[in-house]
Amino acid sequence: MADENLVLSLDSGDVVIKLRPDLAPGHVDRIKELVGEGFYNGVKFHRVIPGFMAQGGCPQGTGMGGSDKPDLKAEFNAEPHVRGVCSMARTSAPNSANSQFFICFDDARFLDKQYTVWGQVVSGMEHVDALPKGEPPAKPGAINKAEIVAA
């Protein structure tokens, strides 16, 4: 299968994320399924912590919601949580990832092997850096459009 990228169109520009089905095939399939349904279009980054990460993927924009699909079985892997890594958010239950994800701003190695890494930003990280900060931000940045493209 050809490599695929997830492109998130933000107000400041496009973020291109290389999908890593070699690390987390179930999570990549879920993201592709949700993107195909337009689920992420208009969804806000509700938690943006400088030096840590930007989190989005909650349809309510609160961090409390997900898709109507069943939660995913964890696919924890040894990929390090460093700048540009994309990983799935979850509750304290390991198998609770659904639609929310985060993009690391910086080294967050304390998350290694506890969260499922499924992608890596290959261009446009400056647009993630430019997202409004806060938990939640006063005026959150949003994914204007998400699409899957051939790499």
N, C-alpha and C. Protein backbone atom coordinates (compact mmCIF):
# COMPACT_ATOMS: atom_id res chain seq x y z
N MET A 1 0.84 -1.18 0.00
CA MET A 1 0.00 0.00 0.00
C MET A 1 0.89 1.24 0.00
N ALA A 2 0.50 2.22 -0.80
CA ALA A 2 1.27 3.46 -0.88
C ALA A 2 1.17 4.24 0.43
N ASP A 3 2.23 4.99 0.74
CA ASP A 3 2.21 5.84 1.93
C ASP A 3 1.13 6.90 1.77
N GLU A 4 0.51 7.25 2.88
CA GLU A 4 -0.53 8.26 2.87
C GLU A 4 -0.25 9.31 3.93
N ASN A 5 -0.71 10.51 3.66
CA ASN A 5 -0.58 11.61 4.60
C ASN A 5 -1.97 12.12 4.96
N LEU A 6 -2.07 12.63 6.17
CA LEU A 6 -3.25 13.35 6.63
C LEU A 6 -2.89 14.83 6.52
N VAL A 7 -3.73 15.60 5.82
CA VAL A 7 -3.50 17.04 5.69
C VAL A 7 -4.58 17.76 6.49
N LEU A 8 -4.15 18.53 7.49
CA LEU A 8 -5.05 19.35 8.29
C LEU A 8 -4.90 20.79 7.82
N SER A 9 -5.97 21.37 7.29
CA SER A 9 -5.93 22.76 6.85
C SER A 9 -6.34 23.64 8.02
N LEU A 10 -5.40 24.43 8.53
CA LEU A 10 -5.64 25.36 9.63
C LEU A 10 -5.68 26.77 9.07
N ASP A 11 -6.09 27.73 9.88
CA ASP A 11 -6.17 29.11 9.40
C ASP A 11 -4.84 29.62 8.87
N SER A 12 -3.72 29.21 9.50
CA SER A 12 -2.41 29.73 9.11
C SER A 12 -1.76 28.91 8.00
N GLY A 13 -2.31 27.75 7.66
CA GLY A 13 -1.75 26.92 6.60
C GLY A 13 -1.96 25.44 6.85
N ASP A 14 -1.39 24.62 5.98
CA ASP A 14 -1.58 23.17 6.05
C ASP A 14 -0.52 22.47 6.88
N VAL A 15 -0.99 21.49 7.66
CA VAL A 15 -0.11 20.61 8.43
C VAL A 15 -0.19 19.24 7.76
N VAL A 16 0.96 18.72 7.32
CA VAL A 16 1.01 17.42 6.65
C VAL A 16 1.58 16.40 7.62
N ILE A 17 0.80 15.35 7.86
CA ILE A 17 1.16 14.31 8.82
C ILE A 17 1.31 12.97 8.09
N LYS A 18 2.51 12.39 8.19
CA LYS A 18 2.73 11.06 7.61
C LYS A 18 2.04 10.04 8.51
N LEU A 19 1.12 9.27 7.93
CA LEU A 19 0.44 8.22 8.70
C LEU A 19 1.39 7.04 8.88
N ARG A 20 1.30 6.40 10.05
CA ARG A 20 2.20 5.30 10.38
C ARG A 20 1.42 4.02 10.70
N PRO A 21 0.80 3.40 9.66
CA PRO A 21 0.09 2.14 9.91
C PRO A 21 1.01 1.02 10.39
N ASP A 22 2.33 1.18 10.16
CA ASP A 22 3.29 0.19 10.66
C ASP A 22 3.34 0.19 12.18
N LEU A 23 3.00 1.32 12.80
CA LEU A 23 3.01 1.43 14.26
C LEU A 23 1.65 1.13 14.86
N ALA A 24 0.58 1.62 14.20
CA ALA A 24 -0.76 1.56 14.80
C ALA A 24 -1.82 1.41 13.71
N PRO A 25 -1.93 0.22 13.11
CA PRO A 25 -2.85 0.06 11.98
C PRO A 25 -4.31 0.36 12.32
N GLY A 26 -4.75 -0.03 13.50
CA GLY A 26 -6.15 0.21 13.88
C GLY A 26 -6.45 1.68 14.06
N HIS A 27 -5.50 2.41 14.64
CA HIS A 27 -5.70 3.85 14.87
C HIS A 27 -5.66 4.61 13.54
N VAL A 28 -4.74 4.23 12.65
CA VAL A 28 -4.67 4.88 11.34
C VAL A 28 -5.97 4.61 10.57
N ASP A 29 -6.46 3.38 10.62
CA ASP A 29 -7.73 3.07 9.94
C ASP A 29 -8.87 3.93 10.48
N ARG A 30 -8.93 4.12 11.80
CA ARG A 30 -9.98 4.94 12.41
C ARG A 30 -9.88 6.40 11.94
N ILE A 31 -8.67 6.94 11.95
CA ILE A 31 -8.49 8.33 11.52
C ILE A 31 -8.91 8.48 10.06
N LYS A 32 -8.51 7.55 9.21
CA LYS A 32 -8.89 7.61 7.80
C LYS A 32 -10.41 7.51 7.64
N GLU A 33 -11.04 6.65 8.44
CA GLU A 33 -12.49 6.49 8.39
C GLU A 33 -13.18 7.80 8.80
N LEU A 34 -12.72 8.41 9.90
CA LEU A 34 -13.32 9.66 10.37
C LEU A 34 -13.09 10.81 9.38
N VAL A 35 -11.89 10.88 8.82
CA VAL A 35 -11.60 11.91 7.82
C VAL A 35 -12.53 11.74 6.62
N GLY A 36 -12.72 10.49 6.18
CA GLY A 36 -13.60 10.21 5.04
C GLY A 36 -15.04 10.63 5.28
N GLU A 37 -15.45 10.62 6.55
CA GLU A 37 -16.81 11.03 6.91
C GLU A 37 -16.92 12.54 7.18
N GLY A 38 -15.78 13.25 7.09
CA GLY A 38 -15.79 14.69 7.37
C GLY A 38 -15.86 15.02 8.85
N PHE A 39 -15.60 14.03 9.70
CA PHE A 39 -15.74 14.19 11.15
C PHE A 39 -14.89 15.33 11.70
N TYR A 40 -13.65 15.46 11.22
CA TYR A 40 -12.72 16.44 11.79
C TYR A 40 -12.91 17.86 11.24
N ASN A 41 -13.66 18.02 10.17
CA ASN A 41 -13.85 19.34 9.59
C ASN A 41 -14.56 20.26 10.57
N GLY A 42 -13.92 21.37 10.92
CA GLY A 42 -14.51 22.33 11.86
C GLY A 42 -14.23 22.04 13.32
N VAL A 43 -13.58 20.91 13.62
CA VAL A 43 -13.31 20.55 15.01
C VAL A 43 -12.15 21.41 15.55
N LYS A 44 -12.29 21.85 16.79
CA LYS A 44 -11.34 22.77 17.40
C LYS A 44 -10.20 22.05 18.14
N PHE A 45 -9.10 22.77 18.29
CA PHE A 45 -8.02 22.35 19.18
C PHE A 45 -8.35 22.94 20.55
N HIS A 46 -8.93 22.10 21.42
CA HIS A 46 -9.50 22.57 22.70
C HIS A 46 -8.48 22.65 23.84
N ARG A 47 -7.29 22.11 23.62
CA ARG A 47 -6.27 22.08 24.68
C ARG A 47 -4.91 22.26 24.03
N VAL A 48 -4.34 23.46 24.20
CA VAL A 48 -3.06 23.77 23.56
C VAL A 48 -2.12 24.30 24.64
N ILE A 49 -1.16 23.47 25.02
CA ILE A 49 -0.26 23.78 26.13
C ILE A 49 1.14 24.02 25.58
N PRO A 50 1.64 25.27 25.66
CA PRO A 50 2.98 25.57 25.13
C PRO A 50 4.04 24.64 25.73
N GLY A 51 4.95 24.18 24.86
CA GLY A 51 6.02 23.30 25.30
C GLY A 51 5.59 21.86 25.50
N PHE A 52 4.30 21.58 25.30
CA PHE A 52 3.80 20.22 25.50
C PHE A 52 3.09 19.72 24.25
N MET A 53 1.83 20.10 24.04
CA MET A 53 1.11 19.55 22.91
C MET A 53 -0.16 20.35 22.61
N ALA A 54 -0.70 20.09 21.40
CA ALA A 54 -1.99 20.63 20.95
C ALA A 54 -2.93 19.45 20.77
N GLN A 55 -4.09 19.50 21.43
CA GLN A 55 -5.05 18.39 21.38
C GLN A 55 -6.34 18.83 20.70
N GLY A 56 -6.85 17.96 19.84
CA GLY A 56 -8.11 18.20 19.14
C GLY A 56 -8.83 16.90 18.89
N GLY A 57 -9.90 16.97 18.10
CA GLY A 57 -10.63 15.76 17.73
C GLY A 57 -11.88 15.51 18.53
N CYS A 58 -12.26 16.44 19.45
CA CYS A 58 -13.51 16.31 20.20
C CYS A 58 -14.59 17.09 19.46
N PRO A 59 -15.68 16.41 19.07
CA PRO A 59 -16.72 17.12 18.30
C PRO A 59 -17.38 18.26 19.08
N GLN A 60 -17.41 18.18 20.40
CA GLN A 60 -18.00 19.25 21.21
C GLN A 60 -17.01 20.38 21.50
N GLY A 61 -15.72 20.14 21.27
CA GLY A 61 -14.70 21.14 21.56
C GLY A 61 -14.40 21.27 23.04
N THR A 62 -14.80 20.26 23.83
CA THR A 62 -14.61 20.32 25.28
C THR A 62 -13.54 19.36 25.79
N GLY A 63 -13.20 18.37 24.98
CA GLY A 63 -12.28 17.32 25.43
C GLY A 63 -13.01 16.15 26.06
N MET A 64 -14.33 16.22 26.12
CA MET A 64 -15.11 15.17 26.77
C MET A 64 -15.80 14.22 25.78
N GLY A 65 -15.71 14.52 24.48
CA GLY A 65 -16.47 13.73 23.50
C GLY A 65 -15.60 12.98 22.53
N GLY A 66 -16.27 12.18 21.72
CA GLY A 66 -15.60 11.40 20.68
C GLY A 66 -16.58 11.08 19.58
N SER A 67 -16.18 10.21 18.69
CA SER A 67 -17.08 9.78 17.62
C SER A 67 -18.08 8.79 18.20
N ASP A 68 -19.04 8.37 17.36
CA ASP A 68 -20.02 7.38 17.81
C ASP A 68 -19.51 5.95 17.59
N LYS A 69 -18.25 5.83 17.21
CA LYS A 69 -17.64 4.51 16.98
C LYS A 69 -17.09 3.95 18.29
N PRO A 70 -16.94 2.64 18.37
CA PRO A 70 -16.39 2.06 19.61
C PRO A 70 -14.96 2.52 19.86
N ASP A 71 -14.58 2.57 21.13
CA ASP A 71 -13.21 2.93 21.49
C ASP A 71 -12.24 1.90 20.91
N LEU A 72 -11.02 2.34 20.73
CA LEU A 72 -9.98 1.51 20.11
C LEU A 72 -9.16 0.74 21.15
N LYS A 73 -8.71 -0.44 20.73
CA LYS A 73 -7.77 -1.19 21.56
C LYS A 73 -6.41 -0.49 21.43
N ALA A 74 -5.74 -0.31 22.55
CA ALA A 74 -4.43 0.36 22.56
C ALA A 74 -3.45 -0.33 21.62
N GLU A 75 -2.66 0.47 20.92
CA GLU A 75 -1.56 -0.04 20.09
C GLU A 75 -0.29 0.70 20.50
N PHE A 76 0.01 0.64 21.80
CA PHE A 76 1.19 1.32 22.31
C PHE A 76 2.42 0.79 21.58
N ASN A 77 3.34 1.69 21.29
CA ASN A 77 4.54 1.30 20.55
C ASN A 77 5.73 2.08 21.12
N ALA A 78 6.90 1.75 20.62
CA ALA A 78 8.12 2.33 21.18
C ALA A 78 8.51 3.66 20.53
N GLU A 79 7.70 4.15 19.60
CA GLU A 79 8.01 5.43 18.94
C GLU A 79 8.03 6.54 19.99
N PRO A 80 9.10 7.35 20.04
CA PRO A 80 9.19 8.37 21.09
C PRO A 80 8.26 9.57 20.83
N HIS A 81 7.71 10.10 21.90
CA HIS A 81 6.89 11.31 21.85
C HIS A 81 7.83 12.51 21.84
N VAL A 82 8.13 12.99 20.63
CA VAL A 82 9.02 14.14 20.43
C VAL A 82 8.31 15.13 19.51
N ARG A 83 8.92 16.27 19.26
CA ARG A 83 8.31 17.31 18.44
C ARG A 83 7.74 16.75 17.13
N GLY A 84 6.47 17.07 16.86
CA GLY A 84 5.82 16.67 15.62
C GLY A 84 5.15 15.31 15.64
N VAL A 85 5.33 14.56 16.71
CA VAL A 85 4.69 13.24 16.80
C VAL A 85 3.20 13.41 17.08
N CYS A 86 2.40 12.60 16.40
CA CYS A 86 0.94 12.59 16.57
C CYS A 86 0.55 11.31 17.29
N SER A 87 -0.24 11.48 18.34
CA SER A 87 -0.58 10.36 19.19
C SER A 87 -2.06 10.48 19.58
N MET A 88 -2.66 9.39 20.00
CA MET A 88 -4.07 9.39 20.37
C MET A 88 -4.25 9.76 21.82
N ALA A 89 -5.21 10.64 22.08
CA ALA A 89 -5.59 10.96 23.45
C ALA A 89 -6.52 9.86 23.96
N ARG A 90 -6.57 9.71 25.28
CA ARG A 90 -7.44 8.71 25.89
C ARG A 90 -7.70 9.11 27.33
N THR A 91 -8.61 8.39 27.98
CA THR A 91 -8.84 8.57 29.41
C THR A 91 -7.78 7.75 30.14
N SER A 92 -7.94 7.57 31.44
CA SER A 92 -6.99 6.75 32.19
C SER A 92 -7.08 5.27 31.81
N ALA A 93 -8.14 4.88 31.11
CA ALA A 93 -8.27 3.50 30.63
C ALA A 93 -7.46 3.33 29.34
N PRO A 94 -6.56 2.35 29.28
CA PRO A 94 -5.68 2.20 28.12
C PRO A 94 -6.43 2.04 26.79
N ASN A 95 -7.57 1.36 26.78
CA ASN A 95 -8.30 1.08 25.53
C ASN A 95 -9.45 2.05 25.32
N SER A 96 -9.22 3.36 25.58
CA SER A 96 -10.31 4.34 25.49
C SER A 96 -10.10 5.39 24.40
N ALA A 97 -9.05 5.25 23.56
CA ALA A 97 -8.87 6.20 22.47
C ALA A 97 -10.03 6.07 21.50
N ASN A 98 -10.47 7.21 20.94
CA ASN A 98 -11.61 7.18 20.03
C ASN A 98 -11.36 8.10 18.83
N SER A 99 -11.45 9.40 19.02
CA SER A 99 -11.24 10.34 17.91
C SER A 99 -10.27 11.46 18.26
N GLN A 100 -10.01 11.66 19.56
CA GLN A 100 -9.14 12.76 19.96
C GLN A 100 -7.67 12.38 19.81
N PHE A 101 -6.89 13.37 19.39
CA PHE A 101 -5.46 13.15 19.18
C PHE A 101 -4.70 14.38 19.63
N PHE A 102 -3.39 14.23 19.72
CA PHE A 102 -2.56 15.38 20.05
C PHE A 102 -1.28 15.36 19.22
N ILE A 103 -0.73 16.57 19.04
CA ILE A 103 0.52 16.75 18.32
C ILE A 103 1.51 17.37 19.31
N CYS A 104 2.64 16.71 19.50
CA CYS A 104 3.63 17.18 20.47
C CYS A 104 4.37 18.41 19.94
N PHE A 105 4.50 19.43 20.80
CA PHE A 105 5.31 20.61 20.49
C PHE A 105 6.77 20.34 20.80
N ASP A 106 7.02 19.46 21.75
CA ASP A 106 8.34 19.30 22.31
C ASP A 106 8.49 17.86 22.80
N ASP A 107 9.64 17.57 23.37
CA ASP A 107 9.90 16.25 23.93
C ASP A 107 8.91 15.96 25.06
N ALA A 108 8.16 14.88 24.92
CA ALA A 108 7.20 14.44 25.94
C ALA A 108 7.38 12.93 26.15
N ARG A 109 8.64 12.54 26.36
CA ARG A 109 8.99 11.12 26.44
C ARG A 109 8.32 10.40 27.59
N PHE A 110 7.83 11.14 28.59
CA PHE A 110 7.13 10.50 29.70
C PHE A 110 5.82 9.85 29.24
N LEU A 111 5.37 10.16 28.02
CA LEU A 111 4.16 9.54 27.46
C LEU A 111 4.48 8.25 26.70
N ASP A 112 5.76 7.98 26.46
CA ASP A 112 6.16 6.83 25.64
C ASP A 112 5.56 5.53 26.18
N LYS A 113 5.09 4.70 25.24
CA LYS A 113 4.54 3.37 25.50
C LYS A 113 3.27 3.40 26.36
N GLN A 114 2.67 4.61 26.53
CA GLN A 114 1.40 4.73 27.26
C GLN A 114 0.30 5.32 26.40
N TYR A 115 0.71 5.89 25.27
CA TYR A 115 -0.22 6.47 24.30
C TYR A 115 0.18 5.96 22.92
N THR A 116 -0.79 5.84 22.02
CA THR A 116 -0.54 5.26 20.71
C THR A 116 -0.10 6.31 19.71
N VAL A 117 1.17 6.23 19.29
CA VAL A 117 1.69 7.09 18.22
C VAL A 117 1.21 6.53 16.89
N TRP A 118 0.64 7.42 16.05
CA TRP A 118 0.11 7.00 14.75
C TRP A 118 0.57 7.86 13.59
N GLY A 119 1.37 8.91 13.86
CA GLY A 119 1.80 9.77 12.76
C GLY A 119 2.91 10.71 13.16
N GLN A 120 3.42 11.42 12.16
CA GLN A 120 4.52 12.37 12.35
C GLN A 120 4.32 13.55 11.40
N VAL A 121 4.34 14.76 11.95
CA VAL A 121 4.26 15.95 11.10
C VAL A 121 5.50 16.00 10.21
N VAL A 122 5.29 16.11 8.89
CA VAL A 122 6.42 16.19 7.96
C VAL A 122 6.56 17.60 7.39
N SER A 123 5.50 18.40 7.47
CA SER A 123 5.60 19.82 7.11
C SER A 123 4.44 20.59 7.75
N GLY A 124 4.69 21.88 7.98
CA GLY A 124 3.64 22.72 8.54
C GLY A 124 3.60 22.78 10.06
N MET A 125 4.66 22.31 10.72
CA MET A 125 4.66 22.34 12.19
C MET A 125 4.54 23.77 12.71
N GLU A 126 4.98 24.75 11.93
CA GLU A 126 4.84 26.14 12.35
C GLU A 126 3.37 26.54 12.51
N HIS A 127 2.48 25.86 11.78
CA HIS A 127 1.05 26.16 11.89
C HIS A 127 0.46 25.57 13.18
N VAL A 128 1.03 24.44 13.62
CA VAL A 128 0.64 23.89 14.92
C VAL A 128 1.14 24.83 16.01
N ASP A 129 2.38 25.31 15.86
CA ASP A 129 2.96 26.25 16.82
C ASP A 129 2.11 27.52 16.95
N ALA A 130 1.46 27.91 15.86
CA ALA A 130 0.69 29.16 15.83
C ALA A 130 -0.72 29.04 16.42
N LEU A 131 -1.14 27.82 16.80
CA LEU A 131 -2.49 27.66 17.36
C LEU A 131 -2.65 28.48 18.64
N PRO A 132 -3.84 29.07 18.85
CA PRO A 132 -4.08 29.80 20.10
C PRO A 132 -3.93 28.88 21.30
N LYS A 133 -3.26 29.38 22.35
CA LYS A 133 -2.95 28.57 23.53
C LYS A 133 -4.05 28.68 24.58
N GLY A 134 -4.17 27.63 25.40
CA GLY A 134 -5.11 27.64 26.51
C GLY A 134 -5.77 26.29 26.70
N GLU A 135 -6.48 26.15 27.82
CA GLU A 135 -7.23 24.91 28.16
C GLU A 135 -8.62 25.28 28.64
N PRO A 136 -9.57 25.66 27.81
CA PRO A 136 -9.44 25.81 26.35
C PRO A 136 -8.97 27.21 25.99
N PRO A 137 -8.47 27.39 24.75
CA PRO A 137 -8.11 28.74 24.29
C PRO A 137 -9.36 29.62 24.22
N ALA A 138 -9.18 30.92 24.43
CA ALA A 138 -10.31 31.86 24.35
C ALA A 138 -10.95 31.80 22.96
N LYS A 139 -10.12 31.74 21.93
CA LYS A 139 -10.60 31.62 20.54
C LYS A 139 -9.82 30.47 19.90
N PRO A 140 -10.30 29.23 20.11
CA PRO A 140 -9.54 28.06 19.66
C PRO A 140 -9.34 28.01 18.15
N GLY A 141 -8.18 27.50 17.76
CA GLY A 141 -7.94 27.21 16.35
C GLY A 141 -8.73 25.97 15.98
N ALA A 142 -9.07 25.85 14.70
CA ALA A 142 -9.88 24.72 14.24
C ALA A 142 -9.28 24.09 13.01
N ILE A 143 -9.65 22.84 12.78
CA ILE A 143 -9.31 22.14 11.54
C ILE A 143 -10.38 22.56 10.53
N ASN A 144 -9.99 23.39 9.57
CA ASN A 144 -10.97 23.82 8.57
C ASN A 144 -11.37 22.64 7.69
N LYS A 145 -10.38 21.81 7.34
CA LYS A 145 -10.64 20.63 6.52
C LYS A 145 -9.54 19.61 6.79
N ALA A 146 -9.92 18.34 6.84
CA ALA A 146 -8.96 17.24 6.97
C ALA A 146 -9.14 16.33 5.76
N GLU A 147 -8.03 15.93 5.16
CA GLU A 147 -8.13 15.01 4.04
C GLU A 147 -6.93 14.07 4.00
N ILE A 148 -7.14 12.90 3.41
CA ILE A 148 -6.08 11.92 3.24
C ILE A 148 -5.59 12.04 1.79
N VAL A 149 -4.26 12.15 1.64
CA VAL A 149 -3.68 12.26 0.30
C VAL A 149 -2.52 11.28 0.17
N ALA A 150 -2.21 10.91 -1.06
CA ALA A 150 -1.05 10.03 -1.29
C ALA A 150 0.21 10.80 -0.94
N ALA A 151 1.17 10.11 -0.34
CA ALA A 151 2.43 10.78 0.05
C ALA A 151 3.31 10.97 -1.16
